[in-house]
């Protein structure tokens, strides 16, 4: 969009929402978006209620050289404006509203057939033109979602179950005598999946809960791995005997000198494998906490 059209829209009170500009000319809400696949072409969209005189609108659009083509999908009329034409975009919109008035076309709610008390509702990225009733329902639904039970207790439990299931991959790879970041990925993926199944709320606290369960699963896998390694050296060692004598095992200098370097290496790989999953979920939680819906009146 060139500077002239951009300046005119801004002066007319149009607001940028995501990739589009939304505004009102007379009683009509327009969405203006640059066409990404064509230079000097702008998409103009408007929702209008069904009207028997739409054919007259299309006859008008056919004659106007500033409009390249148009289409209709349900209640949405989409028009392509040619920016290189002699007419400015705002002037074209003003003339278009005059034609809409002539055929008694009115804007309509994007969710129902109501044509009164319309306003723009947006989350900052996308928007909809809604009536007061539908807009109130959207805001109510948003508030209910925002205030719903976070399910941290259940989320922790299923996240831990998931992480322990994922640790099986770690144990199997450890039995083969090496570490791999994919094992850390398996633990983190299963942990967050369990949290999701539990209906845990996407928050920073939820991410911390999953980090804790991932850490628990990591140490559990290391614990089982140590038992398997010791049993190879002492075949008569049973798991119950290993558990009962854990305090002695973990205070033995020779065993510690074996455990700590391996644990450090393992920790490195679990961090490498889990960092992407943790980072993505942390960003999602941050966006969820910042997410809001607001009503814009023009």
Foldseek 3Di string as FASTA:
>chain_A
DDPVLVVVCVVQPWDDFAQWTWDDDPQWIWIWHDDPVDPQKIKIKGFWADAPCVVVLQVVLVPDPQWDDWDDDHRMIITIGRNPDPDHPVVVVNVSVVVCVVRVIAGAFPVDGDRPQWFWKGQRHDITIHHPVVVVVVQVVLVCLVPDDQLLVQLLVQLLVQLLVLLVVVLVVVVVPDGALQSLLSNLVRSVVRSVVSVHDLAPVSLVSNVVSNVVNLVVSLLVSLVVVVCVVVVVDDPVNCVVCVVVQCVDPVNVVVSVVVSVVNVVSSCVNNVVVSVVSHVVNVCSVSGDMDIDDD
